[in-house]
Amino acid sequence: ARLYGSRSRKNQKLLEGVRQAVEHAQSC
């Protein structure tokens, strides 16, 4: 679900962190 900054590496890294956080939240 990369709606913005799909070609920005910084945004991609941020999205990765967010996805990881979401996964952890779902895991709990």
N, C-alpha and C. Protein backbone atom coordinates (compact mmCIF):
# COMPACT_ATOMS: atom_id res chain seq x y z
N ALA A 1 0.86 -1.21 0.00
CA ALA A 1 0.00 0.00 0.00
C ALA A 1 0.88 1.24 0.00
N ARG A 2 1.72 1.34 -0.99
CA ARG A 2 2.61 2.52 -1.08
C ARG A 2 1.94 3.53 -2.00
N LEU A 3 1.13 4.40 -1.42
CA LEU A 3 0.39 5.38 -2.23
C LEU A 3 1.27 6.58 -2.55
N TYR A 4 2.21 6.90 -1.66
CA TYR A 4 3.03 8.09 -1.90
C TYR A 4 4.51 7.75 -1.69
N GLY A 5 5.38 8.42 -2.44
CA GLY A 5 6.82 8.22 -2.27
C GLY A 5 7.23 6.80 -2.60
N SER A 6 6.61 6.19 -3.59
CA SER A 6 6.97 4.81 -3.94
C SER A 6 8.36 4.79 -4.56
N ARG A 7 8.80 5.93 -5.11
CA ARG A 7 10.13 5.94 -5.74
C ARG A 7 11.15 6.59 -4.81
N SER A 8 10.75 6.89 -3.59
CA SER A 8 11.69 7.49 -2.64
C SER A 8 12.23 6.41 -1.70
N ARG A 9 13.54 6.29 -1.63
CA ARG A 9 14.11 5.23 -0.78
C ARG A 9 13.83 5.51 0.69
N LYS A 10 13.88 6.77 1.07
CA LYS A 10 13.61 7.10 2.48
C LYS A 10 12.19 6.67 2.84
N ASN A 11 11.25 7.02 1.98
CA ASN A 11 9.86 6.65 2.26
C ASN A 11 9.72 5.13 2.28
N GLN A 12 10.43 4.46 1.39
CA GLN A 12 10.33 2.99 1.37
C GLN A 12 10.82 2.43 2.70
N LYS A 13 11.93 2.98 3.22
CA LYS A 13 12.43 2.50 4.51
C LYS A 13 11.40 2.77 5.59
N LEU A 14 10.81 3.96 5.54
CA LEU A 14 9.79 4.30 6.55
C LEU A 14 8.62 3.33 6.44
N LEU A 15 8.20 3.05 5.21
CA LEU A 15 7.07 2.13 5.02
C LEU A 15 7.43 0.76 5.57
N GLU A 16 8.67 0.34 5.36
CA GLU A 16 9.08 -0.98 5.88
C GLU A 16 8.95 -0.99 7.40
N GLY A 17 9.41 0.08 8.05
CA GLY A 17 9.32 0.15 9.51
C GLY A 17 7.86 0.12 9.95
N VAL A 18 7.03 0.85 9.23
CA VAL A 18 5.60 0.89 9.59
C VAL A 18 5.00 -0.50 9.43
N ARG A 19 5.33 -1.15 8.34
CA ARG A 19 4.76 -2.50 8.11
C ARG A 19 5.21 -3.44 9.22
N GLN A 20 6.48 -3.33 9.62
CA GLN A 20 6.97 -4.19 10.71
C GLN A 20 6.19 -3.90 11.98
N ALA A 21 5.99 -2.61 12.26
CA ALA A 21 5.25 -2.24 13.48
C ALA A 21 3.83 -2.80 13.41
N VAL A 22 3.22 -2.71 12.24
CA VAL A 22 1.85 -3.23 12.09
C VAL A 22 1.84 -4.73 12.33
N GLU A 23 2.84 -5.40 11.78
CA GLU A 23 2.89 -6.86 11.98
C GLU A 23 3.01 -7.18 13.46
N HIS A 24 3.87 -6.43 14.17
CA HIS A 24 4.03 -6.68 15.61
C HIS A 24 2.71 -6.41 16.34
N ALA A 25 2.05 -5.34 15.95
CA ALA A 25 0.78 -4.99 16.60
C ALA A 25 -0.23 -6.12 16.37
N GLN A 26 -0.27 -6.64 15.15
CA GLN A 26 -1.22 -7.72 14.86
C GLN A 26 -0.81 -8.99 15.63
N SER A 27 0.48 -9.18 15.80
CA SER A 27 0.96 -10.38 16.50
C SER A 27 0.49 -10.34 17.95
N CYS A 28 0.54 -9.18 18.58
CA CYS A 28 0.15 -9.08 19.99
C CYS A 28 -1.34 -9.38 20.10
